[in-house]
Amino acid sequence: MRSFCLLATLCAMAVGGAAASLAADLEHTKESLEAVKAKVAEKKAVLVDVRDKEEWNKGHIDGAIFLPLSEFRLRNKTAEMTKNLPGDRVLYTYCVVGMRSLKAAELLKKQGYEVRALKPGYEDLLKAGFPNASK
């Protein structure tokens, strides 16, 4: 019984450690939207909209690259979908409330991009002064 408890404790620690490590890799950037806006204006970074097509069609940030997470997750489309992403700039992913931006950032990092997930969503970017492409 004691060895079973020890084994269970070690397994729980291993899983907890892996989960903590994963969580650390999946944090939103702490950079302010003003800093992000400045990097985009200086062409040091680009915004990557990972929302669905319907959301994009209702409005999007001028100059943002459209990369819907729902399609990007399909392994056979990865190379095709990322071919237009600049490899020499920071990619800032955004969605509605930041959850898809984390997953997209994780997938793009695996492709070798320097990427940071934004927690603020599309509406927050508009309020911060990012230009709306439809106006």
Protein backbone atom coordinates (compact mmCIF):
# COMPACT_ATOMS: atom_id res chain seq x y z
CA MET A 1 0.00 0.00 0.00
CA ARG A 2 2.82 2.40 0.90
CA SER A 3 4.60 1.82 -2.44
CA PHE A 4 1.32 2.43 -4.29
CA CYS A 5 0.90 5.77 -2.47
CA LEU A 6 4.48 6.74 -3.25
CA LEU A 7 4.01 5.83 -6.90
CA ALA A 8 0.74 7.79 -7.05
CA THR A 9 2.44 10.81 -5.47
CA LEU A 10 5.35 10.67 -7.93
CA CYS A 11 2.95 10.38 -10.88
CA ALA A 12 0.93 13.33 -9.63
CA MET A 13 4.11 15.39 -9.26
CA ALA A 14 5.23 14.49 -12.78
CA VAL A 15 1.87 15.37 -14.30
CA GLY A 16 1.65 18.56 -12.26
CA GLY A 17 5.16 19.54 -13.32
CA ALA A 18 4.35 18.91 -16.97
CA ALA A 19 1.14 20.90 -16.68
CA ALA A 20 2.97 23.78 -15.00
CA SER A 21 5.62 23.71 -17.73
CA LEU A 22 2.96 23.73 -20.43
CA ALA A 23 1.14 26.60 -18.71
CA ALA A 24 4.37 28.60 -18.57
CA ASP A 25 4.80 28.17 -22.33
CA LEU A 26 1.24 29.31 -22.98
CA GLU A 27 1.15 32.74 -21.39
CA HIS A 28 -0.10 35.88 -23.06
CA THR A 29 2.48 38.56 -23.72
CA LYS A 30 2.83 41.20 -21.05
CA GLU A 31 3.63 43.89 -23.63
CA SER A 32 1.24 46.81 -23.73
CA LEU A 33 -0.94 47.38 -26.78
CA GLU A 34 0.90 50.69 -27.28
CA ALA A 35 4.22 48.81 -27.51
CA VAL A 36 2.69 46.29 -29.92
CA LYS A 37 1.20 49.09 -32.04
CA ALA A 38 4.62 50.80 -32.22
CA LYS A 39 6.35 47.58 -33.34
CA VAL A 40 3.70 47.00 -36.00
CA ALA A 41 4.06 50.62 -37.22
CA GLU A 42 7.86 50.21 -37.36
CA LYS A 43 7.41 46.98 -39.39
CA LYS A 44 9.14 44.99 -36.64
CA ALA A 45 5.99 42.96 -36.01
CA VAL A 46 2.77 41.89 -37.66
CA LEU A 47 -0.67 41.05 -36.30
CA VAL A 48 -2.06 37.60 -37.06
CA ASP A 49 -5.83 37.26 -36.77
CA VAL A 50 -6.68 33.67 -35.80
CA ARG A 51 -10.45 34.14 -35.62
CA ASP A 52 -12.87 32.29 -37.90
CA LYS A 53 -13.71 33.49 -41.40
CA GLU A 54 -17.12 34.84 -40.34
CA GLU A 55 -15.48 36.97 -37.64
CA TRP A 56 -12.82 38.23 -40.07
CA ASN A 57 -15.47 39.14 -42.64
CA LYS A 58 -17.33 41.28 -40.09
CA GLY A 59 -14.20 43.38 -39.58
CA HIS A 60 -10.48 43.10 -39.05
CA ILE A 61 -7.40 45.15 -38.32
CA ASP A 62 -5.81 46.84 -41.32
CA GLY A 63 -2.62 45.02 -42.30
CA ALA A 64 -3.36 41.93 -40.20
CA ILE A 65 -2.72 38.52 -41.69
CA PHE A 66 -5.67 36.12 -41.61
CA LEU A 67 -4.78 32.68 -40.25
CA PRO A 68 -7.93 30.99 -38.89
CA LEU A 69 -6.94 28.60 -36.13
CA SER A 70 -9.71 26.17 -37.10
CA GLU A 71 -8.02 25.64 -40.48
CA PHE A 72 -4.42 26.01 -39.30
CA ARG A 73 -4.85 23.01 -37.01
CA LEU A 74 -5.19 20.77 -40.06
CA ARG A 75 -1.70 19.34 -40.46
CA ASN A 76 -1.88 19.05 -44.23
CA LYS A 77 -2.51 22.81 -44.54
CA THR A 78 0.26 24.06 -42.25
CA ALA A 79 2.86 24.77 -44.94
CA GLU A 80 0.30 26.30 -47.29
CA MET A 81 -1.19 28.56 -44.62
CA THR A 82 2.09 29.79 -43.15
CA LYS A 83 3.87 30.54 -46.45
CA ASN A 84 2.87 34.23 -46.31
CA LEU A 85 3.98 34.80 -42.73
CA PRO A 86 7.11 36.92 -42.42
CA GLY A 87 9.91 35.03 -40.74
CA ASP A 88 11.85 38.18 -39.93
CA ARG A 89 9.24 39.83 -37.70
CA VAL A 90 7.48 39.10 -34.43
CA LEU A 91 4.01 37.67 -34.94
CA TYR A 92 1.31 38.81 -32.51
CA THR A 93 -1.68 36.49 -32.58
CA TYR A 94 -5.10 37.75 -31.56
CA CYS A 95 -8.68 36.49 -31.55
CA VAL A 96 -11.73 37.54 -29.55
CA VAL A 97 -10.69 36.96 -25.92
CA GLY A 98 -7.20 35.47 -26.14
CA MET A 99 -7.74 31.71 -25.93
CA ARG A 100 -7.28 30.89 -29.62
CA SER A 101 -4.32 33.25 -29.75
CA LEU A 102 -2.52 31.06 -27.21
CA LYS A 103 -3.07 27.88 -29.21
CA ALA A 104 -2.08 29.57 -32.46
CA ALA A 105 1.08 30.93 -30.83
CA GLU A 106 1.96 27.45 -29.66
CA LEU A 107 1.51 26.02 -33.17
CA LEU A 108 3.46 28.83 -34.82
CA LYS A 109 6.33 28.52 -32.34
CA LYS A 110 6.62 24.87 -33.37
CA GLN A 111 7.03 26.12 -36.95
CA GLY A 112 9.98 28.29 -35.86
CA TYR A 113 8.32 31.71 -35.72
CA GLU A 114 8.91 34.30 -33.02
CA VAL A 115 5.35 34.69 -31.82
CA ARG A 116 3.51 36.23 -28.90
CA ALA A 117 -0.14 35.77 -28.01
CA LEU A 118 -2.25 38.80 -27.21
CA LYS A 119 -4.91 38.49 -24.55
CA PRO A 120 -6.81 41.58 -25.72
CA GLY A 121 -9.14 40.68 -28.55
CA TYR A 122 -10.19 42.32 -31.77
CA GLU A 123 -12.51 44.88 -30.13
CA ASP A 124 -9.79 45.81 -27.62
CA LEU A 125 -7.34 46.42 -30.47
CA LEU A 126 -9.81 48.76 -32.13
CA LYS A 127 -10.31 50.66 -28.87
CA ALA A 128 -6.51 50.96 -28.54
CA GLY A 129 -6.33 52.68 -31.92
CA PHE A 130 -5.38 49.89 -34.30
CA PRO A 131 -6.91 50.79 -37.66
CA ASN A 132 -10.03 48.96 -38.81
CA ALA A 133 -9.58 47.72 -42.38
CA SER A 134 -13.26 48.13 -43.23
CA LYS A 135 -13.30 51.91 -42.62
